[in-house]
Amino acid sequence: MSDQGIYTFGKNEHLCKHLLIDLLFKGHAKAMTAWPIRMVYLLVDKKEEQEQSVQVLISVSKRFFKRAVKRNRVKRQIREAFRYNKMALEEQMKELSGKQLLVAFIWQDGKLHESAEINAKMHQQMKRLVEKLQNETGVKKSSCAEPGL
């Protein structure tokens, strides 16, 4: 992979299709939490070859933040943390050709957190997710790129 696209989060990486979102939340998805971020994920067969191997949905409930400005700030922080920590996950998904990972990040706290703290939690979740994918699929990447902190 070239250095140009490492830290991007393009439209093709956003989970937008209602069919895939329904599959993620109504299927047999797995979840893990690194407070205040809950991650729900599901490994599915790739339908189209041009689809990204990892697609992400970010959700911040109006129940926690009434003002959209605060919800948008939290979503931006989660997006940034994912961008900086997705490298190991993408390396693992290269080994699983024909598979696609659907991920939803759900905010679960009523207060704002520092970006560094969110980045650390995202790093922790990405590391755990890569380990779980290796255990579930039996495909181990010899040298995973260490996500940035």
N, C-alpha and C. Protein backbone atom coordinates (compact mmCIF):
# COMPACT_ATOMS: atom_id res chain seq x y z
N MET A 1 0.85 -1.18 0.00
CA MET A 1 0.00 0.00 0.00
C MET A 1 0.88 1.23 0.00
N SER A 2 0.53 2.21 -0.82
CA SER A 2 1.32 3.44 -0.86
C SER A 2 1.01 4.30 0.35
N ASP A 3 1.94 5.20 0.65
CA ASP A 3 1.76 6.07 1.81
C ASP A 3 0.63 7.07 1.62
N GLN A 4 0.20 7.27 0.38
CA GLN A 4 -0.82 8.28 0.10
C GLN A 4 -2.16 7.95 0.75
N GLY A 5 -2.60 6.69 0.74
CA GLY A 5 -3.93 6.36 1.21
C GLY A 5 -3.99 5.75 2.60
N ILE A 6 -2.92 5.80 3.36
CA ILE A 6 -2.89 5.14 4.66
C ILE A 6 -3.87 5.77 5.63
N TYR A 7 -3.84 7.07 5.77
CA TYR A 7 -4.65 7.74 6.80
C TYR A 7 -5.89 8.40 6.24
N THR A 8 -6.52 7.77 5.27
CA THR A 8 -7.73 8.34 4.69
C THR A 8 -8.96 7.61 5.24
N PHE A 9 -10.10 8.24 5.09
CA PHE A 9 -11.37 7.62 5.45
C PHE A 9 -12.38 8.10 4.42
N GLY A 10 -12.35 7.46 3.26
CA GLY A 10 -13.16 7.89 2.13
C GLY A 10 -14.60 7.41 2.21
N LYS A 11 -15.38 7.88 1.28
CA LYS A 11 -16.81 7.53 1.22
C LYS A 11 -17.01 6.02 1.06
N ASN A 12 -16.11 5.38 0.32
CA ASN A 12 -16.26 3.94 0.10
C ASN A 12 -16.01 3.13 1.38
N GLU A 13 -15.43 3.74 2.40
CA GLU A 13 -15.22 3.06 3.68
C GLU A 13 -16.39 3.26 4.65
N HIS A 14 -17.32 4.14 4.30
CA HIS A 14 -18.49 4.37 5.15
C HIS A 14 -19.50 3.25 4.92
N LEU A 15 -20.09 2.76 5.96
CA LEU A 15 -21.13 1.75 5.86
C LEU A 15 -22.46 2.47 5.67
N CYS A 16 -22.99 2.43 4.45
CA CYS A 16 -24.20 3.19 4.11
C CYS A 16 -25.37 2.31 3.69
N LYS A 17 -25.11 1.14 3.16
CA LYS A 17 -26.18 0.29 2.63
C LYS A 17 -27.04 -0.24 3.77
N HIS A 18 -28.35 -0.01 3.63
CA HIS A 18 -29.28 -0.44 4.67
C HIS A 18 -29.27 -1.96 4.84
N LEU A 19 -29.06 -2.68 3.75
CA LEU A 19 -29.02 -4.13 3.82
C LEU A 19 -27.86 -4.61 4.70
N LEU A 20 -26.69 -3.99 4.54
CA LEU A 20 -25.53 -4.37 5.34
C LEU A 20 -25.69 -3.92 6.80
N ILE A 21 -26.29 -2.75 7.01
CA ILE A 21 -26.51 -2.26 8.37
C ILE A 21 -27.48 -3.19 9.11
N ASP A 22 -28.56 -3.59 8.42
CA ASP A 22 -29.50 -4.54 9.02
C ASP A 22 -28.83 -5.87 9.33
N LEU A 23 -27.98 -6.32 8.43
CA LEU A 23 -27.25 -7.57 8.65
C LEU A 23 -26.34 -7.46 9.87
N LEU A 24 -25.71 -6.31 10.03
CA LEU A 24 -24.80 -6.10 11.15
C LEU A 24 -25.54 -6.14 12.48
N PHE A 25 -26.69 -5.48 12.56
CA PHE A 25 -27.39 -5.38 13.84
C PHE A 25 -28.41 -6.49 14.09
N LYS A 26 -28.85 -7.18 13.04
CA LYS A 26 -29.82 -8.25 13.24
C LYS A 26 -29.20 -9.63 13.07
N GLY A 27 -27.98 -9.66 12.60
CA GLY A 27 -27.29 -10.93 12.38
C GLY A 27 -26.63 -11.43 13.64
N HIS A 28 -25.61 -12.21 13.45
CA HIS A 28 -24.88 -12.80 14.58
C HIS A 28 -23.59 -12.02 14.79
N ALA A 29 -23.71 -10.74 14.95
CA ALA A 29 -22.55 -9.87 15.13
C ALA A 29 -21.97 -10.05 16.53
N LYS A 30 -20.71 -9.70 16.64
CA LYS A 30 -20.02 -9.75 17.92
C LYS A 30 -19.72 -8.33 18.35
N ALA A 31 -19.51 -8.14 19.65
CA ALA A 31 -19.28 -6.79 20.16
C ALA A 31 -18.21 -6.81 21.23
N MET A 32 -17.55 -5.68 21.37
CA MET A 32 -16.60 -5.47 22.46
C MET A 32 -16.63 -4.00 22.83
N THR A 33 -16.27 -3.71 24.06
CA THR A 33 -16.34 -2.34 24.55
C THR A 33 -15.02 -1.93 25.17
N ALA A 34 -14.56 -0.75 24.80
CA ALA A 34 -13.46 -0.07 25.48
C ALA A 34 -14.07 1.28 25.83
N TRP A 35 -14.57 1.39 27.03
CA TRP A 35 -15.38 2.54 27.43
C TRP A 35 -14.74 3.84 26.99
N PRO A 36 -15.43 4.71 26.35
CA PRO A 36 -16.86 4.84 26.09
C PRO A 36 -17.28 4.40 24.69
N ILE A 37 -16.46 3.62 23.99
CA ILE A 37 -16.78 3.22 22.62
C ILE A 37 -17.12 1.73 22.60
N ARG A 38 -18.30 1.43 22.07
CA ARG A 38 -18.69 0.03 21.86
C ARG A 38 -18.52 -0.27 20.38
N MET A 39 -17.89 -1.40 20.09
CA MET A 39 -17.67 -1.78 18.70
C MET A 39 -18.46 -3.05 18.42
N VAL A 40 -19.30 -3.00 17.39
CA VAL A 40 -20.06 -4.16 16.93
C VAL A 40 -19.48 -4.51 15.56
N TYR A 41 -19.15 -5.78 15.35
CA TYR A 41 -18.53 -6.15 14.08
C TYR A 41 -19.06 -7.49 13.58
N LEU A 42 -18.98 -7.67 12.27
CA LEU A 42 -19.44 -8.89 11.63
C LEU A 42 -18.59 -9.12 10.39
N LEU A 43 -18.10 -10.33 10.23
CA LEU A 43 -17.33 -10.72 9.06
C LEU A 43 -18.27 -11.42 8.10
N VAL A 44 -18.41 -10.88 6.88
CA VAL A 44 -19.33 -11.43 5.88
C VAL A 44 -18.58 -11.68 4.58
N ASP A 45 -19.23 -12.43 3.69
CA ASP A 45 -18.67 -12.63 2.35
C ASP A 45 -18.85 -11.36 1.55
N LYS A 46 -17.84 -11.02 0.77
CA LYS A 46 -17.88 -9.81 -0.04
C LYS A 46 -18.82 -10.03 -1.22
N LYS A 47 -19.78 -9.14 -1.40
CA LYS A 47 -20.75 -9.27 -2.50
C LYS A 47 -20.16 -8.80 -3.83
N GLU A 48 -19.52 -7.65 -3.81
CA GLU A 48 -18.95 -7.06 -5.02
C GLU A 48 -17.45 -6.90 -4.82
N GLU A 49 -16.71 -7.09 -5.89
CA GLU A 49 -15.25 -7.03 -5.79
C GLU A 49 -14.74 -5.63 -5.49
N GLN A 50 -15.47 -4.59 -5.93
CA GLN A 50 -14.98 -3.23 -5.72
C GLN A 50 -15.28 -2.69 -4.33
N GLU A 51 -16.03 -3.42 -3.51
CA GLU A 51 -16.32 -2.95 -2.16
C GLU A 51 -15.06 -2.99 -1.29
N GLN A 52 -14.99 -2.07 -0.35
CA GLN A 52 -13.88 -2.02 0.60
C GLN A 52 -13.93 -3.26 1.50
N SER A 53 -12.79 -3.70 1.97
CA SER A 53 -12.76 -4.87 2.85
C SER A 53 -13.23 -4.52 4.27
N VAL A 54 -13.15 -3.24 4.64
CA VAL A 54 -13.64 -2.79 5.95
C VAL A 54 -14.56 -1.60 5.73
N GLN A 55 -15.79 -1.68 6.24
CA GLN A 55 -16.72 -0.56 6.17
C GLN A 55 -17.17 -0.22 7.58
N VAL A 56 -17.27 1.09 7.85
CA VAL A 56 -17.47 1.57 9.22
C VAL A 56 -18.70 2.47 9.32
N LEU A 57 -19.42 2.32 10.43
CA LEU A 57 -20.55 3.16 10.78
C LEU A 57 -20.25 3.77 12.15
N ILE A 58 -20.50 5.06 12.30
CA ILE A 58 -20.26 5.74 13.58
C ILE A 58 -21.58 6.33 14.06
N SER A 59 -21.93 6.03 15.31
CA SER A 59 -23.20 6.48 15.86
C SER A 59 -23.01 7.12 17.23
N VAL A 60 -23.58 8.32 17.38
CA VAL A 60 -23.60 9.01 18.67
C VAL A 60 -25.05 9.38 18.93
N SER A 61 -25.62 8.85 19.99
CA SER A 61 -27.04 9.01 20.26
C SER A 61 -27.39 10.41 20.75
N LYS A 62 -28.56 10.86 20.34
CA LYS A 62 -29.08 12.14 20.81
C LYS A 62 -29.42 12.07 22.30
N ARG A 63 -29.58 10.87 22.80
CA ARG A 63 -29.85 10.68 24.23
C ARG A 63 -28.70 11.21 25.08
N PHE A 64 -27.46 11.08 24.59
CA PHE A 64 -26.30 11.52 25.36
C PHE A 64 -25.98 12.99 25.15
N PHE A 65 -26.12 13.46 23.91
CA PHE A 65 -25.81 14.86 23.60
C PHE A 65 -26.97 15.46 22.83
N LYS A 66 -27.67 16.39 23.44
CA LYS A 66 -28.82 17.02 22.79
C LYS A 66 -28.40 17.92 21.65
N ARG A 67 -27.25 18.57 21.79
CA ARG A 67 -26.78 19.50 20.76
C ARG A 67 -25.95 18.77 19.71
N ALA A 68 -26.29 19.04 18.45
CA ALA A 68 -25.61 18.38 17.33
C ALA A 68 -24.12 18.70 17.29
N VAL A 69 -23.74 19.87 17.77
CA VAL A 69 -22.33 20.27 17.75
C VAL A 69 -21.48 19.27 18.55
N LYS A 70 -21.98 18.86 19.71
CA LYS A 70 -21.24 17.91 20.54
C LYS A 70 -21.24 16.52 19.90
N ARG A 71 -22.38 16.11 19.33
CA ARG A 71 -22.42 14.80 18.66
C ARG A 71 -21.44 14.77 17.49
N ASN A 72 -21.39 15.85 16.73
CA ASN A 72 -20.47 15.92 15.59
C ASN A 72 -19.02 15.90 16.04
N ARG A 73 -18.73 16.53 17.17
CA ARG A 73 -17.36 16.53 17.69
C ARG A 73 -16.92 15.10 18.03
N VAL A 74 -17.80 14.37 18.71
CA VAL A 74 -17.48 13.00 19.10
C VAL A 74 -17.30 12.13 17.86
N LYS A 75 -18.18 12.28 16.87
CA LYS A 75 -18.05 11.50 15.64
C LYS A 75 -16.74 11.82 14.93
N ARG A 76 -16.36 13.08 14.92
CA ARG A 76 -15.09 13.48 14.30
C ARG A 76 -13.91 12.84 15.04
N GLN A 77 -13.96 12.84 16.37
CA GLN A 77 -12.88 12.23 17.15
C GLN A 77 -12.78 10.73 16.88
N ILE A 78 -13.91 10.06 16.78
CA ILE A 78 -13.90 8.62 16.50
C ILE A 78 -13.35 8.36 15.10
N ARG A 79 -13.78 9.17 14.12
CA ARG A 79 -13.27 9.03 12.75
C ARG A 79 -11.76 9.19 12.70
N GLU A 80 -11.26 10.23 13.37
CA GLU A 80 -9.81 10.48 13.39
C GLU A 80 -9.07 9.32 14.05
N ALA A 81 -9.58 8.83 15.15
CA ALA A 81 -8.93 7.71 15.85
C ALA A 81 -8.93 6.46 14.97
N PHE A 82 -10.02 6.22 14.26
CA PHE A 82 -10.07 5.06 13.36
C PHE A 82 -9.06 5.22 12.23
N ARG A 83 -8.98 6.40 11.65
CA ARG A 83 -8.04 6.65 10.56
C ARG A 83 -6.61 6.32 10.96
N TYR A 84 -6.23 6.71 12.16
CA TYR A 84 -4.85 6.51 12.60
C TYR A 84 -4.57 5.09 13.08
N ASN A 85 -5.59 4.32 13.34
CA ASN A 85 -5.39 2.98 13.90
C ASN A 85 -5.87 1.84 13.02
N LYS A 86 -6.27 2.10 11.79
CA LYS A 86 -6.86 1.07 10.95
C LYS A 86 -5.84 0.22 10.20
N MET A 87 -4.58 0.58 10.21
CA MET A 87 -3.58 -0.08 9.38
C MET A 87 -3.47 -1.58 9.67
N ALA A 88 -3.39 -1.96 10.93
CA ALA A 88 -3.26 -3.38 11.28
C ALA A 88 -4.49 -4.17 10.84
N LEU A 89 -5.65 -3.55 10.95
CA LEU A 89 -6.90 -4.20 10.55
C LEU A 89 -6.92 -4.42 9.04
N GLU A 90 -6.50 -3.43 8.27
CA GLU A 90 -6.47 -3.58 6.82
C GLU A 90 -5.46 -4.64 6.38
N GLU A 91 -4.33 -4.71 7.07
CA GLU A 91 -3.33 -5.75 6.77
C GLU A 91 -3.92 -7.14 7.02
N GLN A 92 -4.67 -7.29 8.09
CA GLN A 92 -5.30 -8.58 8.40
C GLN A 92 -6.36 -8.92 7.35
N MET A 93 -7.12 -7.93 6.90
CA MET A 93 -8.18 -8.18 5.94
C MET A 93 -7.63 -8.54 4.56
N LYS A 94 -6.41 -8.10 4.24
CA LYS A 94 -5.78 -8.50 2.97
C LYS A 94 -5.60 -10.01 2.92
N GLU A 95 -5.36 -10.61 4.07
CA GLU A 95 -5.17 -12.06 4.15
C GLU A 95 -6.50 -12.80 3.96
N LEU A 96 -7.61 -12.13 4.20
CA LEU A 96 -8.94 -12.74 4.09
C LEU A 96 -9.63 -12.26 2.82
N SER A 97 -9.10 -12.62 1.67
CA SER A 97 -9.70 -12.18 0.42
C SER A 97 -11.08 -12.81 0.28
N GLY A 98 -12.01 -12.05 -0.27
CA GLY A 98 -13.38 -12.52 -0.41
C GLY A 98 -14.24 -12.26 0.81
N LYS A 99 -13.66 -11.67 1.85
CA LYS A 99 -14.41 -11.36 3.07
C LYS A 99 -14.47 -9.85 3.26
N GLN A 100 -15.49 -9.42 3.96
CA GLN A 100 -15.68 -8.00 4.26
C GLN A 100 -16.02 -7.88 5.74
N LEU A 101 -15.45 -6.87 6.39
CA LEU A 101 -15.70 -6.63 7.80
C LEU A 101 -16.59 -5.41 7.95
N LEU A 102 -17.74 -5.59 8.59
CA LEU A 102 -18.66 -4.49 8.88
C LEU A 102 -18.46 -4.11 10.33
N VAL A 103 -18.22 -2.82 10.59
CA VAL A 103 -17.93 -2.37 11.95
C VAL A 103 -18.81 -1.16 12.27
N ALA A 104 -19.38 -1.15 13.47
CA ALA A 104 -20.12 0.01 13.96
C ALA A 104 -19.49 0.45 15.28
N PHE A 105 -19.17 1.74 15.37
CA PHE A 105 -18.67 2.31 16.62
C PHE A 105 -19.81 3.10 17.24
N ILE A 106 -20.19 2.75 18.46
CA ILE A 106 -21.33 3.38 19.13
C ILE A 106 -20.83 4.04 20.41
N TRP A 107 -21.11 5.33 20.54
CA TRP A 107 -20.69 6.10 21.72
C TRP A 107 -21.63 5.79 22.87
N GLN A 108 -21.09 5.58 24.08
CA GLN A 108 -21.92 5.17 25.21
C GLN A 108 -21.76 6.03 26.45
N ASP A 109 -21.34 7.26 26.30
CA ASP A 109 -21.12 8.10 27.48
C ASP A 109 -21.77 9.46 27.26
N GLY A 110 -22.19 10.09 28.33
CA GLY A 110 -22.84 11.38 28.25
C GLY A 110 -21.91 12.56 28.39
N LYS A 111 -20.61 12.31 28.42
CA LYS A 111 -19.67 13.43 28.53
C LYS A 111 -18.61 13.34 27.45
N LEU A 112 -18.00 14.47 27.17
CA LEU A 112 -16.95 14.54 26.16
C LEU A 112 -15.63 14.04 26.73
N HIS A 113 -14.80 13.47 25.86
CA HIS A 113 -13.48 12.97 26.26
C HIS A 113 -12.42 13.60 25.37
N GLU A 114 -11.19 13.59 25.85
CA GLU A 114 -10.06 14.11 25.08
C GLU A 114 -9.79 13.20 23.88
N SER A 115 -9.29 13.79 22.81
CA SER A 115 -8.98 13.02 21.61
C SER A 115 -7.92 11.96 21.87
N ALA A 116 -6.94 12.26 22.71
CA ALA A 116 -5.88 11.29 23.02
C ALA A 116 -6.46 10.05 23.71
N GLU A 117 -7.43 10.25 24.58
CA GLU A 117 -8.06 9.13 25.27
C GLU A 117 -8.86 8.27 24.29
N ILE A 118 -9.58 8.91 23.39
CA ILE A 118 -10.36 8.17 22.39
C ILE A 118 -9.42 7.41 21.46
N ASN A 119 -8.31 8.03 21.09
CA ASN A 119 -7.33 7.38 20.24
C ASN A 119 -6.75 6.14 20.93
N ALA A 120 -6.48 6.23 22.22
CA ALA A 120 -5.95 5.08 22.97
C ALA A 120 -6.98 3.95 23.03
N LYS A 121 -8.24 4.29 23.23
CA LYS A 121 -9.30 3.28 23.27
C LYS A 121 -9.46 2.61 21.91
N MET A 122 -9.37 3.41 20.85
CA MET A 122 -9.49 2.86 19.50
C MET A 122 -8.31 1.92 19.21
N HIS A 123 -7.12 2.32 19.63
CA HIS A 123 -5.93 1.47 19.46
C HIS A 123 -6.14 0.13 20.15
N GLN A 124 -6.67 0.18 21.36
CA GLN A 124 -6.94 -1.03 22.14
C GLN A 124 -7.95 -1.92 21.42
N GLN A 125 -9.01 -1.32 20.89
CA GLN A 125 -10.04 -2.11 20.20
C GLN A 125 -9.53 -2.70 18.89
N MET A 126 -8.76 -1.94 18.13
CA MET A 126 -8.22 -2.46 16.88
C MET A 126 -7.30 -3.65 17.13
N LYS A 127 -6.49 -3.55 18.16
CA LYS A 127 -5.57 -4.63 18.51
C LYS A 127 -6.36 -5.89 18.89
N ARG A 128 -7.39 -5.72 19.71
CA ARG A 128 -8.22 -6.86 20.12
C ARG A 128 -8.97 -7.46 18.94
N LEU A 129 -9.45 -6.60 18.04
CA LEU A 129 -10.20 -7.08 16.88
C LEU A 129 -9.30 -7.90 15.96
N VAL A 130 -8.09 -7.43 15.71
CA VAL A 130 -7.16 -8.17 14.86
C VAL A 130 -6.86 -9.54 15.48
N GLU A 131 -6.66 -9.58 16.79
CA GLU A 131 -6.40 -10.85 17.47
C GLU A 131 -7.60 -11.79 17.35
N LYS A 132 -8.81 -11.26 17.51
CA LYS A 132 -10.00 -12.10 17.39
C LYS A 132 -10.18 -12.62 15.97
N LEU A 133 -9.92 -11.77 14.97
CA LEU A 133 -10.03 -12.22 13.59
C LEU A 133 -9.01 -13.32 13.29
N GLN A 134 -7.81 -13.17 13.83
CA GLN A 134 -6.79 -14.20 13.63
C GLN A 134 -7.23 -15.52 14.26
N ASN A 135 -7.81 -15.47 15.44
CA ASN A 135 -8.25 -16.68 16.12
C ASN A 135 -9.45 -17.32 15.43
N GLU A 136 -10.40 -16.52 14.96
CA GLU A 136 -11.61 -17.04 14.34
C GLU A 136 -11.34 -17.64 12.97
N THR A 137 -10.49 -16.99 12.19
CA THR A 137 -10.27 -17.43 10.82
C THR A 137 -9.08 -18.36 10.68
N GLY A 138 -8.19 -18.34 11.64
CA GLY A 138 -7.00 -19.17 11.56
C GLY A 138 -5.92 -18.60 10.67
N VAL A 139 -6.16 -17.42 10.10
CA VAL A 139 -5.17 -16.77 9.24
C VAL A 139 -4.43 -15.76 10.08
N LYS A 140 -3.14 -15.97 10.23
CA LYS A 140 -2.33 -15.06 11.04
C LYS A 140 -1.40 -14.28 10.15
N LYS A 141 -1.36 -13.00 10.37
CA LYS A 141 -0.42 -12.13 9.67
C LYS A 141 0.87 -12.16 10.45
N SER A 142 1.98 -12.44 9.76
CA SER A 142 3.25 -12.61 10.46
C SER A 142 3.70 -11.34 11.16
N SER A 143 3.58 -10.22 10.50
CA SER A 143 4.01 -8.97 11.15
C SER A 143 2.96 -7.90 10.91
N CYS A 144 2.11 -7.69 11.89
CA CYS A 144 1.08 -6.66 11.80
C CYS A 144 1.71 -5.30 12.01
N ALA A 145 1.27 -4.34 11.22
CA ALA A 145 1.74 -2.97 11.42
C ALA A 145 1.16 -2.45 12.72
N GLU A 146 1.99 -1.85 13.52
CA GLU A 146 1.54 -1.31 14.81
C GLU A 146 0.82 0.00 14.58
N PRO A 147 -0.47 0.09 14.95
CA PRO A 147 -1.21 1.33 14.76
C PRO A 147 -0.60 2.47 15.56
N GLY A 148 -0.79 3.67 15.05
CA GLY A 148 -0.24 4.85 15.71
C GLY A 148 -1.01 5.24 16.94
N LEU A 149 -0.32 5.81 17.89
CA LEU A 149 -0.97 6.31 19.10
C LEU A 149 -0.89 7.77 19.18
